[in-house]
N, C-alpha and C. Protein backbone atom coordinates (compact mmCIF):
# COMPACT_ATOMS: atom_id res chain seq x y z
N MET A 1 0.84 -1.20 0.00
CA MET A 1 0.00 0.00 0.00
C MET A 1 0.87 1.25 0.00
N ASP A 2 0.50 2.21 -0.83
CA ASP A 2 1.25 3.46 -0.92
C ASP A 2 0.86 4.36 0.25
N VAL A 3 1.74 4.43 1.26
CA VAL A 3 1.45 5.20 2.46
C VAL A 3 1.38 6.71 2.15
N LYS A 4 2.23 7.16 1.23
CA LYS A 4 2.22 8.57 0.87
C LYS A 4 0.88 8.97 0.25
N LEU A 5 0.38 8.14 -0.65
CA LEU A 5 -0.91 8.42 -1.28
C LEU A 5 -2.03 8.36 -0.24
N LEU A 6 -1.96 7.39 0.66
CA LEU A 6 -2.96 7.30 1.73
C LEU A 6 -2.99 8.60 2.53
N GLY A 7 -1.79 9.11 2.86
CA GLY A 7 -1.71 10.37 3.61
C GLY A 7 -2.30 11.54 2.83
N GLU A 8 -2.02 11.58 1.53
CA GLU A 8 -2.56 12.66 0.70
C GLU A 8 -4.09 12.61 0.67
N VAL A 9 -4.64 11.41 0.49
CA VAL A 9 -6.09 11.25 0.44
C VAL A 9 -6.70 11.65 1.78
N PHE A 10 -6.10 11.17 2.86
CA PHE A 10 -6.64 11.45 4.20
C PHE A 10 -6.64 12.95 4.49
N VAL A 11 -5.50 13.60 4.27
CA VAL A 11 -5.40 15.03 4.58
C VAL A 11 -6.32 15.85 3.68
N THR A 12 -6.34 15.54 2.40
CA THR A 12 -7.18 16.29 1.46
C THR A 12 -8.65 16.20 1.83
N LEU A 13 -9.15 14.98 2.02
CA LEU A 13 -10.57 14.80 2.33
C LEU A 13 -10.91 15.32 3.73
N LEU A 14 -9.96 15.22 4.66
CA LEU A 14 -10.21 15.74 6.01
C LEU A 14 -10.38 17.25 5.98
N VAL A 15 -9.54 17.91 5.19
CA VAL A 15 -9.64 19.37 5.06
C VAL A 15 -10.96 19.76 4.39
N ILE A 16 -11.35 19.00 3.37
CA ILE A 16 -12.58 19.33 2.63
C ILE A 16 -13.81 19.10 3.50
N THR A 17 -13.87 17.94 4.19
CA THR A 17 -15.04 17.66 5.03
C THR A 17 -15.06 18.54 6.28
N ASP A 18 -13.88 18.92 6.78
CA ASP A 18 -13.76 19.88 7.88
C ASP A 18 -14.64 19.50 9.08
N PRO A 19 -14.33 18.40 9.78
CA PRO A 19 -15.16 17.99 10.92
C PRO A 19 -15.39 19.07 11.98
N PRO A 20 -14.35 19.86 12.39
CA PRO A 20 -14.63 20.92 13.38
C PRO A 20 -15.61 21.96 12.85
N GLY A 21 -15.49 22.29 11.56
CA GLY A 21 -16.42 23.25 10.98
C GLY A 21 -17.81 22.69 10.81
N MET A 22 -17.90 21.35 10.67
CA MET A 22 -19.20 20.69 10.53
C MET A 22 -19.96 20.66 11.84
N MET A 23 -19.24 20.69 12.96
CA MET A 23 -19.88 20.49 14.25
C MET A 23 -20.97 21.52 14.57
N PRO A 24 -20.73 22.83 14.34
CA PRO A 24 -21.81 23.79 14.63
C PRO A 24 -23.07 23.52 13.81
N ILE A 25 -22.90 23.15 12.55
CA ILE A 25 -24.06 22.87 11.69
C ILE A 25 -24.76 21.60 12.16
N PHE A 26 -23.96 20.58 12.52
CA PHE A 26 -24.54 19.34 13.02
C PHE A 26 -25.33 19.58 14.30
N LEU A 27 -24.77 20.36 15.21
CA LEU A 27 -25.44 20.65 16.48
C LEU A 27 -26.69 21.49 16.25
N ALA A 28 -26.63 22.41 15.28
CA ALA A 28 -27.80 23.25 15.00
C ALA A 28 -28.95 22.41 14.48
N LEU A 29 -28.63 21.39 13.67
CA LEU A 29 -29.67 20.57 13.08
C LEU A 29 -30.17 19.46 14.01
N THR A 30 -29.30 19.02 14.93
CA THR A 30 -29.67 17.87 15.77
C THR A 30 -29.62 18.17 17.26
N GLY A 31 -29.23 19.38 17.65
CA GLY A 31 -29.07 19.72 19.06
C GLY A 31 -30.28 19.43 19.92
N PRO A 32 -31.50 19.79 19.50
CA PRO A 32 -32.69 19.54 20.33
C PRO A 32 -33.09 18.07 20.42
N LEU A 33 -32.47 17.21 19.63
CA LEU A 33 -32.86 15.80 19.60
C LEU A 33 -32.33 15.04 20.82
N PRO A 34 -32.97 13.94 21.19
CA PRO A 34 -32.40 13.06 22.22
C PRO A 34 -31.04 12.53 21.77
N ALA A 35 -30.21 12.19 22.73
CA ALA A 35 -28.85 11.74 22.41
C ALA A 35 -28.86 10.55 21.47
N ARG A 36 -29.81 9.62 21.66
CA ARG A 36 -29.86 8.44 20.81
C ARG A 36 -30.12 8.81 19.35
N ASP A 37 -31.08 9.73 19.13
CA ASP A 37 -31.38 10.16 17.76
C ASP A 37 -30.23 10.94 17.16
N ARG A 38 -29.55 11.75 17.97
CA ARG A 38 -28.42 12.53 17.47
C ARG A 38 -27.28 11.60 17.05
N ASN A 39 -27.03 10.56 17.84
CA ASN A 39 -25.98 9.60 17.48
C ASN A 39 -26.35 8.84 16.21
N ARG A 40 -27.65 8.50 16.09
CA ARG A 40 -28.09 7.81 14.89
C ARG A 40 -27.91 8.70 13.66
N ALA A 41 -28.22 10.00 13.82
CA ALA A 41 -28.05 10.94 12.71
C ALA A 41 -26.60 11.02 12.28
N ALA A 42 -25.68 11.02 13.25
CA ALA A 42 -24.25 11.06 12.93
C ALA A 42 -23.85 9.83 12.12
N SER A 43 -24.31 8.65 12.54
CA SER A 43 -23.97 7.41 11.84
C SER A 43 -24.56 7.39 10.44
N GLN A 44 -25.82 7.83 10.31
CA GLN A 44 -26.46 7.83 9.00
C GLN A 44 -25.78 8.80 8.05
N ALA A 45 -25.41 9.98 8.55
CA ALA A 45 -24.76 10.98 7.71
C ALA A 45 -23.42 10.48 7.19
N VAL A 46 -22.63 9.88 8.08
CA VAL A 46 -21.32 9.36 7.68
C VAL A 46 -21.47 8.19 6.72
N ALA A 47 -22.45 7.31 6.98
CA ALA A 47 -22.66 6.16 6.09
C ALA A 47 -23.06 6.62 4.69
N LEU A 48 -23.96 7.61 4.62
CA LEU A 48 -24.36 8.10 3.30
C LEU A 48 -23.20 8.77 2.58
N ALA A 49 -22.45 9.60 3.32
CA ALA A 49 -21.31 10.29 2.72
C ALA A 49 -20.31 9.28 2.17
N PHE A 50 -20.05 8.23 2.94
CA PHE A 50 -19.12 7.18 2.49
C PHE A 50 -19.64 6.51 1.22
N GLY A 51 -20.93 6.19 1.22
CA GLY A 51 -21.51 5.54 0.04
C GLY A 51 -21.44 6.41 -1.20
N VAL A 52 -21.76 7.70 -1.04
CA VAL A 52 -21.74 8.61 -2.19
C VAL A 52 -20.32 8.76 -2.74
N ILE A 53 -19.34 8.92 -1.85
CA ILE A 53 -17.95 9.09 -2.28
C ILE A 53 -17.46 7.83 -2.99
N VAL A 54 -17.81 6.66 -2.46
CA VAL A 54 -17.38 5.41 -3.09
C VAL A 54 -18.00 5.26 -4.47
N VAL A 55 -19.30 5.57 -4.59
CA VAL A 55 -19.98 5.46 -5.89
C VAL A 55 -19.31 6.36 -6.92
N PHE A 56 -19.02 7.60 -6.54
CA PHE A 56 -18.39 8.51 -7.49
C PHE A 56 -16.93 8.15 -7.75
N ALA A 57 -16.27 7.52 -6.77
CA ALA A 57 -14.90 7.07 -7.00
C ALA A 57 -14.87 5.95 -8.03
N VAL A 58 -15.87 5.06 -7.96
CA VAL A 58 -15.90 3.91 -8.86
C VAL A 58 -16.44 4.28 -10.23
N ALA A 59 -17.54 5.04 -10.26
CA ALA A 59 -18.21 5.27 -11.54
C ALA A 59 -18.65 6.72 -11.72
N GLY A 60 -17.99 7.64 -11.04
CA GLY A 60 -18.42 9.04 -11.07
C GLY A 60 -18.41 9.67 -12.45
N GLN A 61 -17.29 9.57 -13.13
CA GLN A 61 -17.17 10.22 -14.43
C GLN A 61 -18.11 9.58 -15.44
N THR A 62 -18.24 8.26 -15.39
CA THR A 62 -19.16 7.57 -16.29
C THR A 62 -20.60 8.00 -16.05
N LEU A 63 -20.97 8.12 -14.78
CA LEU A 63 -22.34 8.53 -14.42
C LEU A 63 -22.63 9.94 -14.89
N LEU A 64 -21.69 10.86 -14.65
CA LEU A 64 -21.90 12.25 -15.06
C LEU A 64 -21.97 12.37 -16.58
N ASP A 65 -21.09 11.63 -17.28
CA ASP A 65 -21.11 11.65 -18.74
C ASP A 65 -22.43 11.11 -19.29
N TYR A 66 -22.93 10.05 -18.67
CA TYR A 66 -24.17 9.44 -19.13
C TYR A 66 -25.35 10.40 -18.96
N LEU A 67 -25.34 11.15 -17.85
CA LEU A 67 -26.42 12.10 -17.59
C LEU A 67 -26.19 13.46 -18.25
N HIS A 68 -25.03 13.61 -18.91
CA HIS A 68 -24.66 14.89 -19.53
C HIS A 68 -24.65 16.02 -18.50
N VAL A 69 -24.07 15.71 -17.34
CA VAL A 69 -24.00 16.69 -16.25
C VAL A 69 -22.54 17.03 -16.00
N ASP A 70 -22.22 18.33 -15.96
CA ASP A 70 -20.87 18.78 -15.63
C ASP A 70 -20.75 18.93 -14.11
N LEU A 71 -19.52 18.86 -13.61
CA LEU A 71 -19.29 19.02 -12.17
C LEU A 71 -19.78 20.37 -11.64
N PRO A 72 -19.62 21.49 -12.38
CA PRO A 72 -20.17 22.76 -11.88
C PRO A 72 -21.67 22.71 -11.66
N ALA A 73 -22.39 21.95 -12.49
CA ALA A 73 -23.84 21.83 -12.31
C ALA A 73 -24.14 21.12 -10.99
N LEU A 74 -23.35 20.08 -10.68
CA LEU A 74 -23.51 19.36 -9.42
C LEU A 74 -23.22 20.29 -8.25
N GLN A 75 -22.21 21.14 -8.43
CA GLN A 75 -21.83 22.09 -7.40
C GLN A 75 -22.94 23.12 -7.17
N ALA A 76 -23.51 23.63 -8.24
CA ALA A 76 -24.59 24.61 -8.12
C ALA A 76 -25.82 24.00 -7.45
N ALA A 77 -26.13 22.76 -7.80
CA ALA A 77 -27.27 22.07 -7.18
C ALA A 77 -27.06 21.92 -5.68
N GLY A 78 -25.84 21.57 -5.29
CA GLY A 78 -25.54 21.47 -3.87
C GLY A 78 -25.68 22.82 -3.16
N GLY A 79 -25.26 23.87 -3.83
CA GLY A 79 -25.39 25.21 -3.26
C GLY A 79 -26.84 25.60 -3.05
N LEU A 80 -27.68 25.33 -4.03
CA LEU A 80 -29.11 25.66 -3.91
C LEU A 80 -29.75 24.87 -2.77
N LEU A 81 -29.35 23.62 -2.63
CA LEU A 81 -29.88 22.78 -1.56
C LEU A 81 -29.50 23.36 -0.19
N LEU A 82 -28.27 23.82 -0.07
CA LEU A 82 -27.81 24.39 1.20
C LEU A 82 -28.51 25.71 1.50
N VAL A 83 -28.87 26.47 0.47
CA VAL A 83 -29.59 27.72 0.68
C VAL A 83 -30.92 27.44 1.39
N LEU A 84 -31.62 26.42 0.95
CA LEU A 84 -32.91 26.07 1.56
C LEU A 84 -32.74 25.70 3.03
N VAL A 85 -31.71 24.91 3.33
CA VAL A 85 -31.47 24.51 4.71
C VAL A 85 -31.06 25.71 5.56
N ALA A 86 -30.23 26.59 5.01
CA ALA A 86 -29.80 27.78 5.73
C ALA A 86 -30.98 28.68 6.08
N LEU A 87 -31.93 28.81 5.15
CA LEU A 87 -33.11 29.63 5.41
C LEU A 87 -33.94 29.04 6.55
N GLU A 88 -34.04 27.71 6.60
CA GLU A 88 -34.77 27.07 7.70
C GLU A 88 -34.10 27.36 9.04
N LEU A 89 -32.78 27.30 9.08
CA LEU A 89 -32.06 27.57 10.32
C LEU A 89 -32.21 29.02 10.75
N LEU A 90 -32.14 29.93 9.79
CA LEU A 90 -32.21 31.36 10.11
C LEU A 90 -33.61 31.79 10.54
N THR A 91 -34.63 31.15 9.99
CA THR A 91 -36.00 31.52 10.33
C THR A 91 -36.56 30.71 11.48
N GLY A 92 -35.80 29.70 11.94
CA GLY A 92 -36.24 28.92 13.08
C GLY A 92 -37.19 27.80 12.76
N LYS A 93 -37.41 27.48 11.50
CA LYS A 93 -38.37 26.43 11.14
C LYS A 93 -37.83 25.04 11.45
N GLY A 94 -36.53 24.93 11.65
CA GLY A 94 -35.97 23.60 11.93
C GLY A 94 -35.67 23.38 13.39
N ASP A 95 -36.26 24.21 14.30
CA ASP A 95 -35.92 24.13 15.71
C ASP A 95 -36.50 22.92 16.43
N GLU A 96 -37.62 22.35 15.92
CA GLU A 96 -38.26 21.25 16.61
C GLU A 96 -38.42 20.06 15.67
N PRO A 97 -37.33 19.39 15.38
CA PRO A 97 -37.39 18.27 14.45
C PRO A 97 -38.13 17.09 15.03
N SER A 98 -38.82 16.35 14.18
CA SER A 98 -39.50 15.13 14.59
C SER A 98 -38.61 13.94 14.28
N GLY A 99 -39.10 12.72 14.58
CA GLY A 99 -38.30 11.54 14.29
C GLY A 99 -38.04 11.41 12.82
N GLN A 100 -39.03 11.80 11.98
CA GLN A 100 -38.86 11.69 10.54
C GLN A 100 -37.80 12.65 10.05
N SER A 101 -37.80 13.87 10.59
CA SER A 101 -36.84 14.86 10.12
C SER A 101 -35.43 14.53 10.56
N THR A 102 -35.30 13.68 11.61
CA THR A 102 -33.97 13.25 12.03
C THR A 102 -33.26 12.56 10.88
N THR A 103 -33.97 11.64 10.24
CA THR A 103 -33.39 10.95 9.09
C THR A 103 -33.12 11.93 7.97
N ASN A 104 -34.03 12.87 7.75
CA ASN A 104 -33.88 13.82 6.66
C ASN A 104 -32.61 14.65 6.81
N VAL A 105 -32.39 15.23 8.01
CA VAL A 105 -31.21 16.07 8.18
C VAL A 105 -29.94 15.25 8.14
N ALA A 106 -30.01 13.98 8.54
CA ALA A 106 -28.82 13.14 8.48
C ALA A 106 -28.41 12.89 7.04
N LEU A 107 -29.40 12.70 6.18
CA LEU A 107 -29.10 12.43 4.77
C LEU A 107 -28.83 13.72 4.01
N VAL A 108 -29.72 14.71 4.18
CA VAL A 108 -29.60 16.01 3.51
C VAL A 108 -29.88 17.09 4.55
N PRO A 109 -28.96 17.99 4.84
CA PRO A 109 -27.71 18.26 4.11
C PRO A 109 -26.46 17.64 4.70
N LEU A 110 -26.57 16.90 5.83
CA LEU A 110 -25.35 16.44 6.48
C LEU A 110 -24.57 15.44 5.63
N GLY A 111 -25.23 14.32 5.24
CA GLY A 111 -24.53 13.33 4.45
C GLY A 111 -24.07 13.88 3.12
N THR A 112 -24.99 14.53 2.45
CA THR A 112 -24.69 15.22 1.20
C THR A 112 -25.60 16.44 1.10
N PRO A 113 -25.12 17.62 0.73
CA PRO A 113 -23.80 17.88 0.13
C PRO A 113 -22.72 18.38 1.08
N LEU A 114 -22.94 18.33 2.42
CA LEU A 114 -21.92 18.88 3.32
C LEU A 114 -20.71 17.96 3.43
N LEU A 115 -20.93 16.68 3.77
CA LEU A 115 -19.80 15.77 3.87
C LEU A 115 -19.36 15.26 2.50
N ALA A 116 -20.29 14.69 1.77
CA ALA A 116 -19.99 14.21 0.42
C ALA A 116 -20.46 15.25 -0.59
N GLY A 117 -19.77 16.37 -0.61
CA GLY A 117 -20.12 17.45 -1.52
C GLY A 117 -19.26 17.44 -2.77
N PRO A 118 -19.42 18.45 -3.60
CA PRO A 118 -18.64 18.52 -4.85
C PRO A 118 -17.14 18.46 -4.61
N GLY A 119 -16.65 19.11 -3.56
CA GLY A 119 -15.21 19.11 -3.29
C GLY A 119 -14.68 17.72 -3.02
N ALA A 120 -15.35 16.99 -2.12
CA ALA A 120 -14.91 15.64 -1.78
C ALA A 120 -15.05 14.70 -2.98
N ILE A 121 -16.13 14.86 -3.74
CA ILE A 121 -16.36 14.01 -4.91
C ILE A 121 -15.28 14.22 -5.97
N VAL A 122 -15.01 15.49 -6.28
CA VAL A 122 -14.00 15.81 -7.30
C VAL A 122 -12.62 15.33 -6.86
N ALA A 123 -12.26 15.59 -5.60
CA ALA A 123 -10.94 15.18 -5.10
C ALA A 123 -10.78 13.66 -5.20
N THR A 124 -11.83 12.92 -4.82
CA THR A 124 -11.76 11.46 -4.88
C THR A 124 -11.62 10.98 -6.31
N MET A 125 -12.40 11.56 -7.22
CA MET A 125 -12.32 11.17 -8.63
C MET A 125 -10.93 11.43 -9.20
N LEU A 126 -10.31 12.54 -8.80
CA LEU A 126 -8.95 12.85 -9.28
C LEU A 126 -7.93 11.84 -8.75
N PHE A 127 -8.06 11.47 -7.46
CA PHE A 127 -7.14 10.47 -6.91
C PHE A 127 -7.28 9.14 -7.64
N VAL A 128 -8.52 8.74 -7.93
CA VAL A 128 -8.76 7.47 -8.62
C VAL A 128 -8.16 7.51 -10.03
N GLN A 129 -8.28 8.66 -10.70
CA GLN A 129 -7.71 8.79 -12.04
C GLN A 129 -6.19 8.68 -12.02
N ARG A 130 -5.57 9.09 -10.93
CA ARG A 130 -4.11 9.02 -10.79
C ARG A 130 -3.63 7.62 -10.44
N ALA A 131 -4.50 6.80 -9.88
CA ALA A 131 -4.11 5.47 -9.39
C ALA A 131 -3.61 4.60 -10.54
N GLU A 132 -2.58 3.80 -10.24
CA GLU A 132 -1.96 2.99 -11.27
C GLU A 132 -1.99 1.49 -10.98
N GLY A 133 -2.54 1.12 -9.84
CA GLY A 133 -2.56 -0.30 -9.53
C GLY A 133 -3.35 -0.58 -8.27
N ALA A 134 -3.41 -1.87 -7.89
CA ALA A 134 -4.18 -2.28 -6.72
C ALA A 134 -3.68 -1.60 -5.44
N SER A 135 -2.37 -1.39 -5.35
CA SER A 135 -1.80 -0.75 -4.17
C SER A 135 -2.34 0.68 -4.01
N ASP A 136 -2.44 1.41 -5.12
CA ASP A 136 -2.96 2.78 -5.06
C ASP A 136 -4.44 2.79 -4.71
N TYR A 137 -5.20 1.88 -5.29
CA TYR A 137 -6.63 1.81 -4.99
C TYR A 137 -6.86 1.47 -3.51
N ALA A 138 -6.02 0.60 -2.97
CA ALA A 138 -6.13 0.24 -1.56
C ALA A 138 -5.83 1.44 -0.67
N ALA A 139 -4.83 2.23 -1.06
CA ALA A 139 -4.47 3.42 -0.29
C ALA A 139 -5.60 4.44 -0.30
N ILE A 140 -6.22 4.63 -1.46
CA ILE A 140 -7.34 5.57 -1.57
C ILE A 140 -8.51 5.11 -0.71
N ALA A 141 -8.82 3.81 -0.78
CA ALA A 141 -9.92 3.26 0.01
C ALA A 141 -9.65 3.43 1.51
N ALA A 142 -8.42 3.14 1.93
CA ALA A 142 -8.07 3.27 3.34
C ALA A 142 -8.15 4.73 3.79
N GLY A 143 -7.74 5.65 2.91
CA GLY A 143 -7.82 7.07 3.25
C GLY A 143 -9.25 7.54 3.43
N ILE A 144 -10.14 7.08 2.55
CA ILE A 144 -11.56 7.45 2.65
C ILE A 144 -12.15 6.91 3.94
N VAL A 145 -11.87 5.65 4.25
CA VAL A 145 -12.40 5.03 5.48
C VAL A 145 -11.89 5.77 6.71
N ALA A 146 -10.60 6.12 6.72
CA ALA A 146 -10.01 6.81 7.87
C ALA A 146 -10.67 8.18 8.09
N VAL A 147 -10.94 8.90 7.01
CA VAL A 147 -11.58 10.20 7.12
C VAL A 147 -13.00 10.07 7.65
N MET A 148 -13.75 9.08 7.15
CA MET A 148 -15.13 8.88 7.61
C MET A 148 -15.16 8.51 9.09
N ILE A 149 -14.17 7.72 9.54
CA ILE A 149 -14.09 7.37 10.97
C ILE A 149 -13.82 8.62 11.80
N ALA A 150 -12.91 9.47 11.33
CA ALA A 150 -12.59 10.71 12.05
C ALA A 150 -13.82 11.62 12.15
N VAL A 151 -14.56 11.75 11.04
CA VAL A 151 -15.76 12.58 11.04
C VAL A 151 -16.80 12.02 12.01
N TRP A 152 -16.96 10.69 11.98
CA TRP A 152 -17.95 10.06 12.87
C TRP A 152 -17.61 10.29 14.33
N ILE A 153 -16.33 10.19 14.67
CA ILE A 153 -15.91 10.40 16.06
C ILE A 153 -16.25 11.82 16.51
N VAL A 154 -15.96 12.81 15.66
CA VAL A 154 -16.24 14.20 16.01
C VAL A 154 -17.74 14.41 16.21
N LEU A 155 -18.56 13.91 15.28
CA LEU A 155 -20.01 14.11 15.38
C LEU A 155 -20.60 13.28 16.53
N ARG A 156 -20.09 12.09 16.71
CA ARG A 156 -20.63 11.19 17.73
C ARG A 156 -20.49 11.77 19.13
N PHE A 157 -19.38 12.43 19.40
CA PHE A 157 -19.14 12.96 20.74
C PHE A 157 -19.46 14.44 20.86
N SER A 158 -20.24 14.96 19.91
CA SER A 158 -20.68 16.36 20.00
C SER A 158 -21.72 16.55 21.09
N GLY A 159 -22.25 15.45 21.63
CA GLY A 159 -23.24 15.54 22.70
C GLY A 159 -22.69 16.23 23.94
N VAL A 160 -21.39 16.12 24.15
CA VAL A 160 -20.77 16.82 25.29
C VAL A 160 -20.97 18.32 25.15
N ILE A 161 -20.82 18.83 23.93
CA ILE A 161 -20.99 20.26 23.68
C ILE A 161 -22.45 20.66 23.87
N VAL A 162 -23.37 19.77 23.48
CA VAL A 162 -24.80 20.06 23.66
C VAL A 162 -25.12 20.26 25.13
N ARG A 163 -24.56 19.40 25.99
CA ARG A 163 -24.83 19.52 27.43
C ARG A 163 -24.26 20.81 28.00
N VAL A 164 -23.17 21.29 27.43
CA VAL A 164 -22.56 22.54 27.91
C VAL A 164 -23.37 23.75 27.44
N LEU A 165 -23.80 23.74 26.20
CA LEU A 165 -24.49 24.90 25.61
C LEU A 165 -25.92 25.06 26.14
N ARG A 166 -26.62 23.95 26.37
CA ARG A 166 -28.02 23.97 26.80
C ARG A 166 -28.91 24.57 25.69
N PRO A 167 -30.25 24.56 25.86
CA PRO A 167 -31.14 25.01 24.78
C PRO A 167 -30.88 26.42 24.27
N GLY A 168 -30.59 27.35 25.17
CA GLY A 168 -30.34 28.73 24.74
C GLY A 168 -29.12 28.84 23.85
N GLY A 169 -28.06 28.15 24.23
CA GLY A 169 -26.85 28.17 23.42
C GLY A 169 -27.05 27.50 22.09
N ILE A 170 -27.83 26.42 22.06
CA ILE A 170 -28.12 25.72 20.81
C ILE A 170 -28.87 26.64 19.86
N GLU A 171 -29.80 27.44 20.39
CA GLU A 171 -30.56 28.35 19.53
C GLU A 171 -29.66 29.40 18.90
N VAL A 172 -28.76 29.96 19.70
CA VAL A 172 -27.80 30.93 19.16
C VAL A 172 -26.91 30.27 18.11
N LEU A 173 -26.46 29.06 18.43
CA LEU A 173 -25.59 28.33 17.50
C LEU A 173 -26.32 28.03 16.20
N THR A 174 -27.62 27.78 16.30
CA THR A 174 -28.42 27.50 15.10
C THR A 174 -28.40 28.68 14.15
N ARG A 175 -28.59 29.90 14.69
CA ARG A 175 -28.59 31.09 13.83
C ARG A 175 -27.21 31.31 13.20
N ILE A 176 -26.15 31.12 14.00
CA ILE A 176 -24.79 31.28 13.48
C ILE A 176 -24.52 30.26 12.38
N ALA A 177 -24.94 29.01 12.64
CA ALA A 177 -24.75 27.95 11.64
C ALA A 177 -25.52 28.27 10.37
N GLY A 178 -26.71 28.87 10.50
CA GLY A 178 -27.48 29.27 9.33
C GLY A 178 -26.72 30.25 8.46
N LEU A 179 -26.08 31.22 9.12
CA LEU A 179 -25.28 32.21 8.38
C LEU A 179 -24.09 31.53 7.68
N LEU A 180 -23.40 30.66 8.43
CA LEU A 180 -22.25 29.96 7.84
C LEU A 180 -22.68 29.10 6.66
N LEU A 181 -23.80 28.41 6.82
CA LEU A 181 -24.29 27.54 5.77
C LEU A 181 -24.70 28.35 4.54
N ALA A 182 -25.31 29.51 4.78
CA ALA A 182 -25.69 30.38 3.66
C ALA A 182 -24.44 30.86 2.90
N ALA A 183 -23.40 31.20 3.65
CA ALA A 183 -22.16 31.64 3.02
C ALA A 183 -21.53 30.52 2.19
N ILE A 184 -21.53 29.29 2.74
CA ILE A 184 -21.01 28.14 2.01
C ILE A 184 -21.80 27.93 0.72
N ALA A 185 -23.13 28.06 0.83
CA ALA A 185 -24.00 27.85 -0.33
C ALA A 185 -23.72 28.88 -1.42
N VAL A 186 -23.60 30.15 -1.02
CA VAL A 186 -23.33 31.21 -1.99
C VAL A 186 -21.99 30.98 -2.67
N GLN A 187 -20.98 30.54 -1.89
CA GLN A 187 -19.66 30.29 -2.46
C GLN A 187 -19.71 29.15 -3.47
N LEU A 188 -20.46 28.09 -3.15
CA LEU A 188 -20.61 26.97 -4.09
C LEU A 188 -21.24 27.42 -5.40
N ILE A 189 -22.30 28.22 -5.29
CA ILE A 189 -22.99 28.69 -6.49
C ILE A 189 -22.08 29.63 -7.29
N ALA A 190 -21.36 30.52 -6.59
CA ALA A 190 -20.47 31.45 -7.27
C ALA A 190 -19.36 30.72 -8.01
N ASP A 191 -18.79 29.69 -7.35
CA ASP A 191 -17.74 28.90 -8.00
C ASP A 191 -18.28 28.18 -9.23
N ALA A 192 -19.51 27.67 -9.12
CA ALA A 192 -20.12 26.98 -10.25
C ALA A 192 -20.35 27.94 -11.42
N VAL A 193 -20.84 29.14 -11.11
CA VAL A 193 -21.07 30.14 -12.16
C VAL A 193 -19.75 30.52 -12.82
N ALA A 194 -18.71 30.71 -12.00
CA ALA A 194 -17.40 31.05 -12.55
C ALA A 194 -16.87 29.95 -13.46
N ALA A 195 -17.09 28.70 -13.07
CA ALA A 195 -16.65 27.57 -13.90
C ALA A 195 -17.40 27.53 -15.22
N PHE A 196 -18.71 27.80 -15.18
CA PHE A 196 -19.51 27.83 -16.40
C PHE A 196 -19.03 28.95 -17.33
N VAL A 197 -18.72 30.12 -16.74
CA VAL A 197 -18.27 31.25 -17.54
C VAL A 197 -16.93 30.94 -18.19
N GLN A 198 -16.01 30.35 -17.40
CA GLN A 198 -14.70 30.00 -17.96
C GLN A 198 -14.83 28.98 -19.08
N HIS A 199 -15.72 28.01 -18.90
CA HIS A 199 -15.94 27.00 -19.95
C HIS A 199 -16.50 27.66 -21.21
N TYR A 200 -17.44 28.60 -21.03
CA TYR A 200 -18.02 29.29 -22.18
C TYR A 200 -16.98 30.11 -22.94
N ILE A 201 -16.11 30.80 -22.16
CA ILE A 201 -15.05 31.61 -22.79
C ILE A 201 -14.08 30.70 -23.54
N ALA A 202 -13.75 29.56 -22.93
CA ALA A 202 -12.79 28.64 -23.56
C ALA A 202 -13.38 28.07 -24.86
N VAL A 203 -14.67 27.79 -24.86
CA VAL A 203 -15.31 27.23 -26.06
C VAL A 203 -15.40 28.25 -27.18
N THR A 204 -15.72 29.49 -26.81
CA THR A 204 -15.88 30.53 -27.83
C THR A 204 -14.55 31.14 -28.19
């Protein structure tokens, strides 16, 4: 196994997924939930993110080509999705989630596009394209698994922070997370628009 490649994959995906930066958003979406539901949401989000990244690593370019979808389009779609979630956080509509919404927030936006977003998908696809043998593929797989474990550990033990913040702190954190999420969404859309413009200029 190529240890250097494993390290590159681990560091790259860890920076992109940004577990410490994910924590405020995770707590904002799941803070009012019982500890058991919050832990389940963490596991579901990580499992979905892992599945999405693996699917795109194996057949990402083929899938996008078949659907005639460019990566900037995927990025813009993720940005629009995050805008909707950010508005819910800012207006307080997501303050009292039910059991059904627990699964929803774990899958969207936590699992995707926050954890398994355009950045993680593109980075993984590039690593796979660089791979030259079974050793490289094993290193990439190990790097992805290691990152998902690290993310799960951070989210799983965020309950300690919930107990410290209490309901009032969670509400404040929710509004802050809404602003951060809105900023992330706008940046994703802006990057997608810039990519489309550059492609148009290059073609013409």
